[in-house]
Protein backbone atom coordinates (compact mmCIF):
# COMPACT_ATOMS: atom_id res chain seq x y z
CA MET A 1 26.36 91.35 -62.59
CA PRO A 2 26.46 87.94 -60.65
CA LYS A 3 23.59 86.11 -61.67
CA ASP A 4 22.49 85.46 -57.74
CA LEU A 5 22.36 89.17 -57.28
CA GLY A 6 18.72 89.23 -57.99
CA GLY A 7 15.70 89.22 -55.61
CA GLY A 8 14.40 85.68 -56.33
CA THR A 9 13.28 82.83 -54.26
CA GLY A 10 16.25 80.95 -55.87
CA ALA A 11 18.28 83.51 -55.08
CA ARG A 12 17.93 83.89 -51.70
CA ARG A 13 17.98 80.54 -51.09
CA ALA A 14 21.35 80.05 -52.43
CA ARG A 15 22.24 82.80 -50.36
CA ARG A 16 21.23 81.15 -47.25
CA ARG A 17 23.37 77.95 -48.50
CA ARG A 18 26.27 80.42 -48.79
CA ALA A 19 26.02 81.66 -45.53
CA ALA A 20 25.41 78.33 -44.06
CA ARG A 21 28.32 76.95 -46.00
CA ILE A 22 30.75 79.94 -44.65
CA ARG A 23 29.49 79.32 -41.04
CA HIS A 24 30.74 75.61 -41.24
CA LEU A 25 33.50 76.46 -42.94
CA LEU A 26 34.80 79.18 -40.49
CA ALA A 27 33.95 76.43 -37.80
CA ALA A 28 35.76 74.02 -39.23
CA LEU A 29 38.62 76.20 -39.31
CA GLN A 30 38.32 77.66 -36.00
CA ASP A 31 37.92 73.84 -34.94
CA LEU A 32 41.50 72.68 -36.23
CA ASP A 33 43.53 71.74 -33.06
CA TYR A 34 46.81 73.56 -34.13
CA PRO A 35 49.33 76.59 -32.88
CA ARG A 36 47.85 79.78 -34.18
CA ASP A 37 50.71 81.87 -34.60
CA ARG A 38 52.01 78.44 -36.88
CA LEU A 39 48.91 78.34 -38.78
CA GLU A 40 47.91 80.40 -41.85
CA VAL A 41 44.81 79.88 -44.06
CA LEU A 42 43.96 81.30 -47.46
CA ILE A 43 40.75 81.54 -48.60
CA LEU A 44 40.86 81.71 -51.97
CA LEU A 45 38.22 83.09 -53.95
CA GLU A 46 37.27 84.64 -57.58
CA GLN A 47 37.40 87.93 -58.63
CA ASP A 48 33.40 87.90 -59.33
CA ASP A 49 32.16 86.29 -56.23
CA LEU A 50 31.14 89.45 -54.15
CA GLU A 51 29.03 87.83 -52.28
CA THR A 52 30.97 85.56 -50.84
CA PHE A 53 33.55 87.87 -50.36
CA ALA A 54 31.15 90.17 -48.74
CA ALA A 55 30.14 87.31 -46.38
CA PHE A 56 33.26 86.16 -45.19
CA LEU A 57 33.88 89.70 -44.16
CA ALA A 58 30.37 89.57 -42.13
CA GLN A 59 31.60 86.56 -40.28
CA ASP A 60 34.87 88.14 -39.14
CA PRO A 61 37.54 85.91 -39.77
CA PRO A 62 40.57 85.73 -37.36
CA PRO A 63 43.76 87.66 -38.46
CA TRP A 64 45.41 84.09 -39.40
CA ILE A 65 42.60 83.68 -42.21
CA ARG A 66 42.78 85.67 -45.13
CA LEU A 67 41.13 86.33 -47.87
CA LEU A 68 42.58 85.89 -51.50
CA VAL A 69 41.10 86.96 -54.60
CA ALA A 70 42.66 85.30 -58.19
CA PRO A 71 42.50 87.67 -60.55
CA ASP A 72 40.08 87.31 -63.44
CA GLY A 73 41.75 85.13 -66.61
CA ALA A 74 41.37 82.21 -67.71
CA PRO A 75 41.18 79.14 -67.23
CA ARG A 76 39.11 79.39 -64.84
CA THR A 77 39.84 76.37 -62.39
CA LYS A 78 40.70 75.28 -59.26
CA PRO A 79 44.26 74.83 -59.98
CA ARG A 80 44.78 78.31 -61.08
CA ALA A 81 43.71 79.83 -58.08
CA LEU A 82 45.75 76.99 -56.31
CA ASN A 83 48.66 78.58 -57.92
CA TRP A 84 47.63 82.26 -56.60
CA GLY A 85 47.51 80.98 -53.31
CA LEU A 86 51.09 79.36 -53.28
CA ALA A 87 52.66 82.58 -54.17
CA GLU A 88 51.10 83.74 -51.25
CA ALA A 89 51.85 80.84 -48.68
CA LYS A 90 54.70 81.45 -46.57
CA GLY A 91 54.72 77.87 -44.75
CA GLY A 92 56.95 75.11 -45.51
CA ILE A 93 53.44 73.00 -46.15
CA VAL A 94 50.84 73.63 -47.70
CA GLY A 95 48.04 71.62 -46.98
CA VAL A 96 44.44 72.24 -49.56
CA PHE A 97 40.71 71.59 -48.43
CA ASP A 98 37.53 72.30 -50.25
CA ALA A 99 35.03 74.75 -48.66
CA GLU A 100 32.53 71.66 -47.74
CA ASP A 101 35.27 70.05 -45.85
CA ARG A 102 35.26 69.29 -42.54
CA PRO A 103 38.68 67.50 -41.62
CA GLU A 104 39.60 65.69 -38.19
CA PRO A 105 40.44 68.68 -35.46
CA ASP A 106 43.66 67.02 -35.17
CA GLN A 107 44.73 66.48 -38.93
CA LEU A 108 47.51 69.42 -38.91
CA ARG A 109 49.29 68.14 -36.14
CA LYS A 110 49.37 64.18 -37.69
CA ALA A 111 50.39 65.87 -40.61
CA ALA A 112 53.57 67.69 -39.48
CA ALA A 113 54.74 64.81 -36.95
CA ALA A 114 54.34 62.54 -40.68
CA PHE A 115 56.61 64.65 -42.12
CA ALA A 116 59.11 65.48 -39.11
CA GLN A 117 59.33 61.05 -39.39
CA ALA A 118 59.35 61.00 -43.26
CA PRO A 119 62.54 60.51 -45.23
CA PRO A 120 63.22 63.84 -47.06
CA GLU A 121 61.85 61.99 -50.75
CA VAL A 122 58.40 62.01 -49.34
CA VAL A 123 57.01 65.75 -50.32
CA CYS A 124 53.02 65.35 -50.03
CA LEU A 125 50.97 63.61 -47.55
CA GLN A 126 47.45 62.82 -48.42
CA ALA A 127 44.28 62.18 -45.77
CA ARG A 128 41.50 59.87 -46.48
CA LEU A 129 38.02 61.52 -47.66
CA GLY A 130 34.61 60.45 -46.61
CA TRP A 131 31.20 61.77 -47.28
CA TYR A 132 29.25 62.94 -43.71
CA ASN A 133 26.26 62.67 -45.79
CA ALA A 134 26.78 59.20 -46.87
CA SER A 135 23.80 57.63 -45.87
CA THR A 136 21.13 60.01 -47.36
CA ASN A 137 20.28 58.24 -50.82
CA GLY A 138 21.42 55.80 -53.02
CA LEU A 139 24.20 57.54 -54.80
CA THR A 140 25.75 58.86 -51.19
CA ARG A 141 26.02 55.22 -50.70
CA GLY A 142 27.78 54.78 -53.74
CA LEU A 143 29.91 57.62 -53.40
CA ALA A 144 30.79 56.27 -49.95
CA LEU A 145 32.01 52.74 -51.10
CA GLU A 146 34.11 53.83 -53.67
CA TYR A 147 36.01 56.14 -51.51
CA ALA A 148 36.52 54.17 -48.67
CA GLY A 149 38.15 51.43 -51.34
CA TRP A 150 39.81 54.09 -52.87
CA PHE A 151 41.51 56.06 -50.14
CA GLY A 152 41.14 53.37 -47.47
CA LEU A 153 42.56 50.47 -49.16
CA LEU A 154 44.20 50.98 -52.64
CA LEU A 155 46.03 54.18 -52.22
CA PRO A 156 47.88 53.00 -49.03
CA ALA A 157 48.50 50.07 -50.59
CA LEU A 158 50.35 51.74 -53.43
CA ALA A 159 52.29 54.06 -51.00
CA ARG A 160 53.40 51.43 -48.94
CA LEU A 161 55.14 49.86 -52.53
CA GLY A 162 56.71 53.63 -53.29
CA TRP A 163 54.34 53.57 -56.13
CA PRO A 164 52.74 57.33 -57.17
CA ILE A 165 49.31 58.12 -56.52
CA PRO A 166 47.13 60.15 -57.76
CA LEU A 167 46.26 62.70 -55.30
CA GLY A 168 42.46 63.93 -54.12
CA GLY A 169 42.83 67.13 -54.28
CA THR A 170 41.49 68.44 -51.11
CA SER A 171 43.46 67.38 -47.61
CA CYS A 172 46.59 66.60 -49.24
CA TYR A 173 49.81 68.47 -47.69
CA LEU A 174 52.81 69.34 -49.65
CA ARG A 175 56.45 70.74 -49.16
CA ALA A 176 56.33 74.16 -50.20
CA GLY A 177 59.68 73.60 -51.87
CA PRO A 178 59.18 70.85 -54.16
CA LEU A 179 55.75 71.95 -55.11
CA ARG A 180 57.19 75.13 -56.15
CA GLU A 181 60.07 73.61 -57.71
CA ILE A 182 57.68 71.81 -60.25
CA GLY A 183 56.06 74.74 -61.10
CA GLY A 184 52.92 74.16 -59.02
CA TRP A 185 49.62 73.00 -60.09
CA ASP A 186 48.57 72.67 -64.07
CA PRO A 187 46.03 75.00 -64.31
CA TRP A 188 44.82 73.68 -67.30
CA ASN A 189 43.43 69.91 -65.96
CA VAL A 190 40.62 69.45 -64.42
CA THR A 191 41.94 67.03 -61.97
CA GLU A 192 45.10 68.92 -60.88
CA ASP A 193 45.39 66.69 -58.13
CA ALA A 194 45.63 63.17 -59.85
CA ASP A 195 48.63 64.74 -62.15
CA LEU A 196 50.25 66.37 -59.79
CA GLY A 197 50.77 63.08 -57.87
CA PHE A 198 52.36 61.85 -61.20
CA ARG A 199 54.57 64.86 -61.83
CA LEU A 200 55.58 64.81 -58.39
CA ALA A 201 56.59 60.74 -59.21
CA ARG A 202 58.62 61.44 -61.99
CA ARG A 203 60.89 63.94 -59.81
CA GLY A 204 61.46 60.77 -57.75
CA TRP A 205 59.51 62.02 -54.64
CA ARG A 206 57.34 59.55 -53.08
CA SER A 207 53.55 60.27 -52.04
CA ALA A 208 52.50 59.04 -48.45
CA THR A 209 48.91 58.73 -46.84
CA LEU A 210 48.11 60.41 -43.70
CA ASP A 211 45.66 58.19 -41.47
CA SER A 212 43.29 60.92 -40.47
CA THR A 213 39.90 61.22 -42.39
CA THR A 214 38.42 64.71 -43.79
CA TRP A 215 34.82 64.44 -44.33
CA GLU A 216 33.41 66.14 -47.42
CA GLU A 217 29.47 66.52 -48.73
CA ALA A 218 28.41 64.11 -51.41
CA VAL A 219 26.49 65.11 -54.47
CA LEU A 220 22.56 64.21 -53.92
CA THR A 221 21.25 63.79 -57.50
CA PRO A 222 22.07 61.75 -60.91
CA HIS A 223 22.88 65.35 -62.90
CA ALA A 224 25.34 66.42 -60.33
CA TRP A 225 26.93 62.92 -60.22
CA ILE A 226 27.61 62.82 -63.51
CA ARG A 227 28.23 66.78 -63.94
CA GLN A 228 31.15 65.98 -61.46
CA ARG A 229 31.93 62.16 -62.55
CA THR A 230 32.45 63.51 -66.24
CA ARG A 231 34.97 66.15 -64.96
CA TRP A 232 37.14 63.41 -63.20
CA ILE A 233 37.40 61.25 -66.32
CA LYS A 234 38.34 63.91 -68.93
CA GLY A 235 41.16 64.80 -66.37
CA PHE A 236 42.28 61.44 -65.81
CA LEU A 237 42.24 61.32 -70.03
CA VAL A 238 44.15 64.56 -69.91
CA THR A 239 46.77 63.25 -67.44
CA TRP A 240 47.34 59.77 -69.43
CA ILE A 241 47.52 62.15 -72.46
CA VAL A 242 49.97 64.32 -71.31
CA HIS A 243 52.45 62.37 -69.44
CA MET A 244 52.40 59.49 -72.49
CA ARG A 245 53.64 62.01 -74.99
CA ASP A 246 56.72 60.19 -74.35
CA PRO A 247 56.33 56.89 -73.27
CA LEU A 248 59.73 55.69 -73.05
CA ARG A 249 61.06 59.48 -70.98
CA LEU A 250 57.83 58.22 -68.69
CA TRP A 251 59.06 54.78 -68.22
CA ARG A 252 62.74 55.94 -66.86
CA GLU A 253 61.24 58.53 -65.09
CA ILE A 254 58.89 56.75 -62.98
CA GLY A 255 59.40 53.10 -63.55
CA PRO A 256 57.72 50.17 -64.72
CA ALA A 257 55.28 49.89 -62.00
CA GLY A 258 54.67 53.25 -61.94
CA PHE A 259 54.43 53.52 -65.40
CA TRP A 260 51.54 50.65 -65.21
CA VAL A 261 49.49 52.38 -62.24
CA LEU A 262 48.95 55.66 -64.11
CA ASN A 263 47.86 53.89 -66.94
CA ALA A 264 46.08 51.61 -64.77
CA LEU A 265 44.41 54.36 -62.73
CA THR A 266 43.91 56.88 -65.77
CA LEU A 267 42.99 55.33 -69.12
CA GLY A 268 42.07 51.78 -67.22
CA SER A 269 39.46 53.88 -65.32
CA PHE A 270 37.90 55.41 -68.39
CA LEU A 271 37.94 51.87 -70.40
CA ALA A 272 36.24 50.41 -66.97
CA TYR A 273 33.62 52.71 -67.24
CA LEU A 274 32.46 52.18 -70.90
CA SER A 275 32.81 48.15 -69.94
CA LEU A 276 31.05 48.07 -66.90
CA PRO A 277 27.71 47.48 -69.14
CA LEU A 278 29.01 44.62 -70.88
CA HIS A 279 30.25 43.26 -67.43
CA LEU A 280 27.06 43.42 -66.03
CA THR A 281 25.60 42.24 -68.81
CA ALA A 282 27.50 39.42 -69.25
CA LEU A 283 26.96 38.77 -65.18
CA ALA A 284 22.87 38.53 -65.73
CA TRP A 285 23.43 35.94 -68.53
CA LEU A 286 25.67 33.45 -66.10
CA LEU A 287 23.09 33.91 -63.63
CA VAL A 288 20.12 33.40 -65.76
CA ALA A 289 21.59 30.80 -68.48
CA GLY A 290 24.17 29.14 -66.02
CA GLU A 291 27.12 30.05 -68.39
CA ALA A 292 29.11 32.66 -69.82
CA PRO A 293 27.53 34.51 -72.86
CA TRP A 294 31.27 34.07 -74.79
CA SER A 295 30.95 30.26 -73.97
CA GLU A 296 29.87 29.22 -77.45
CA VAL A 297 32.70 31.40 -79.29
CA LEU A 298 35.78 31.42 -77.36
CA PRO A 299 38.12 28.24 -76.57
CA GLU A 300 37.39 26.29 -73.56
CA LYS A 301 40.28 27.71 -71.62
CA ALA A 302 40.28 31.20 -73.35
CA GLY A 303 36.97 31.00 -71.94
CA ARG A 304 37.91 30.09 -68.79
CA LEU A 305 40.73 32.81 -67.90
CA LEU A 306 37.89 35.41 -69.25
CA ALA A 307 35.91 34.35 -66.59
CA ALA A 308 38.41 34.31 -63.97
CA LEU A 309 39.81 37.57 -64.46
CA PHE A 310 35.72 38.99 -65.07
CA TRP A 311 35.11 37.51 -61.21
CA ALA A 312 39.12 38.92 -60.02
CA GLY A 313 37.65 42.08 -60.69
CA LEU A 314 34.73 41.85 -59.80
CA ALA A 315 35.42 40.10 -56.34
CA ALA A 316 38.45 42.86 -56.05
CA ALA A 317 36.36 46.20 -56.23
CA THR A 318 33.75 44.73 -54.01
CA PHE A 319 36.32 43.42 -50.97
CA MET A 320 37.75 46.89 -51.32
CA ALA A 321 34.44 48.92 -50.92
CA PHE A 322 33.65 46.71 -47.98
CA ARG A 323 37.09 46.14 -46.50
CA GLY A 324 37.30 50.09 -46.46
CA ALA A 325 33.03 51.05 -45.98
CA TRP A 326 33.48 48.66 -43.00
CA ARG A 327 36.51 50.58 -41.67
CA SER A 328 34.57 54.43 -41.84
CA TYR A 329 31.14 53.45 -41.51
CA GLY A 330 30.77 50.22 -39.45
CA LEU A 331 29.54 46.49 -41.34
CA ARG A 332 25.93 47.56 -41.90
CA PHE A 333 26.75 50.51 -44.11
CA ALA A 334 29.64 47.97 -45.65
CA CYS A 335 26.82 45.16 -46.22
CA TRP A 336 26.24 47.86 -49.48
CA ALA A 337 29.44 46.77 -51.31
CA PRO A 338 27.85 44.32 -53.55
CA LEU A 339 25.89 47.09 -55.36
CA LEU A 340 28.51 49.23 -55.93
CA PRO A 341 29.20 47.46 -59.66
CA PHE A 342 25.55 48.37 -60.37
CA TYR A 343 25.37 51.78 -59.29
CA LEU A 344 28.65 52.78 -61.43
CA GLY A 345 27.22 50.66 -64.24
CA ILE A 346 23.87 52.80 -64.63
CA PHE A 347 25.70 56.65 -64.77
CA GLY A 348 29.23 56.31 -65.64
CA PRO A 349 29.39 54.95 -68.62
CA VAL A 350 27.08 58.09 -69.62
CA ALA A 351 29.81 60.40 -67.96
CA ALA A 352 32.60 58.65 -69.24
CA LEU A 353 31.40 59.16 -72.47
CA ARG A 354 30.05 62.73 -72.39
CA ALA A 355 33.89 63.15 -70.68
CA ALA A 356 34.92 61.92 -74.25
CA SER A 357 33.09 64.21 -76.00
CA GLN A 358 34.28 67.21 -74.20
CA LEU A 359 37.90 66.13 -75.02
CA PRO A 360 38.47 67.47 -78.43
CA ARG A 361 36.51 70.68 -77.85
CA SER A 362 36.41 71.75 -73.83
CA ALA A 363 38.65 69.57 -72.64
CA PHE A 364 39.53 72.42 -69.78
CA LEU A 365 36.08 73.24 -68.62
CA TRP A 366 35.30 73.26 -65.25
CA GLU A 367 31.81 72.47 -64.74
CA LYS A 368 31.39 72.92 -60.55
CA THR A 369 29.67 71.36 -58.37
CA ALA A 370 27.84 72.83 -56.35
CA HIS A 371 27.37 72.02 -52.32
CA GLY A 372 25.63 73.51 -49.06
CA PHE A 373 22.35 71.07 -49.72
CA ASP A 374 23.21 68.43 -47.30
CA GLN A 375 23.96 70.61 -44.36
CA GLY A 376 21.62 69.30 -41.68
CA ALA A 377 24.10 65.82 -42.47
CA LEU A 378 26.35 68.12 -40.28
CA ALA A 379 27.51 68.00 -36.60
CA PRO A 380 28.53 71.07 -34.84
CA SER A 381 31.89 69.55 -34.59
CA PRO A 382 33.69 67.86 -37.69
CA ALA A 383 34.76 65.00 -34.96
CA ASP A 384 31.17 64.22 -34.18
CA ALA A 385 29.95 64.52 -37.81
CA ALA A 386 31.56 61.26 -38.96
CA PRO A 387 29.34 58.51 -39.81
CA ALA A 388 28.65 56.29 -36.68
CA GLY A 389 30.69 52.91 -36.99
CA ARG A 390 33.91 54.70 -38.04
CA GLN A 391 36.52 53.92 -36.62
CA ALA A 392 38.98 56.46 -34.77
CA SER A 393 42.11 57.32 -36.79
CA ARG A 394 45.16 55.53 -35.14
CA GLY A 395 48.44 57.01 -36.05
CA ALA A 396 50.39 59.79 -37.83
CA VAL A 397 50.89 57.72 -41.44
């Protein structure tokens, strides 16, 4: 019996959150501006999620929204459920959303128009992701700054260069044929989205970005943040291990640029988290002592090169966060960008070490992220739920 079926206060609170999430989800789906006779929505549920199934039926969803229950089995992961959905999907384009997502109402039309205009090698479109509760506390601000730089600047730049991009796991649209050709998602990878982006690239296909935003609910507590980030880092490490089993083959299939992009964004991200405390210590030493901590150890030229790399990396990360946040949330919010390294430096190394410890014994463990705690941040319409100061999406791609 699911643990929420008891009669305690916690169970009642969980049921209320579930019911609210379902109402908001159905409202967001109803707000999508797309012909209903050309739209098929599959709500993917686990076999033992009886309460959610009953709650959806109680809302009397329209006929173009269908509940699909994934049979019980291993692994209990999102990509395994997605593969069941892919087997049932009838359309030529498959889009993925999380339950708490609030896509802009015209996003499906933009995706269809972009695919119609794109060359045949473009088989995936990734929309921007943001947080509708970005201003709730310091953690949500930090997440918003990260996502603004990642989805607003980094991924579009990689896509423009024709390089592979790690997908975002939600609000990505894929041509169903190529997706089925590569076997769908890897059910054992807890960041199946990033893995899929590189797998597509290895087959010669390209991913592009979509100029539309989907708003999500950011986690509110350090405990939830660390669990969520542990899964992300662990999945990046699994992605690196899988693709680097044959580095020469990877180099031939994905090219030199793609090879280094994969290494920088997977293994490089893990190493960056571990090194953040050293970077922050070096920064504090520099501000207090007026010289770098390595100035007495390294030769002068090496010290200058290390200092230049340190400042360049810090400036690039801060600029991406500032520029992306200015576009998504406004100038006032973007001014928090200089604090991003400190936000990451506090919790990031903990998540990285936790991910490394889980890798040998529970690489496929999916620690679910609880949502539905900050529904008050939502406005009635997904278009209105965006934070003040956000610029409207301008075009298809």
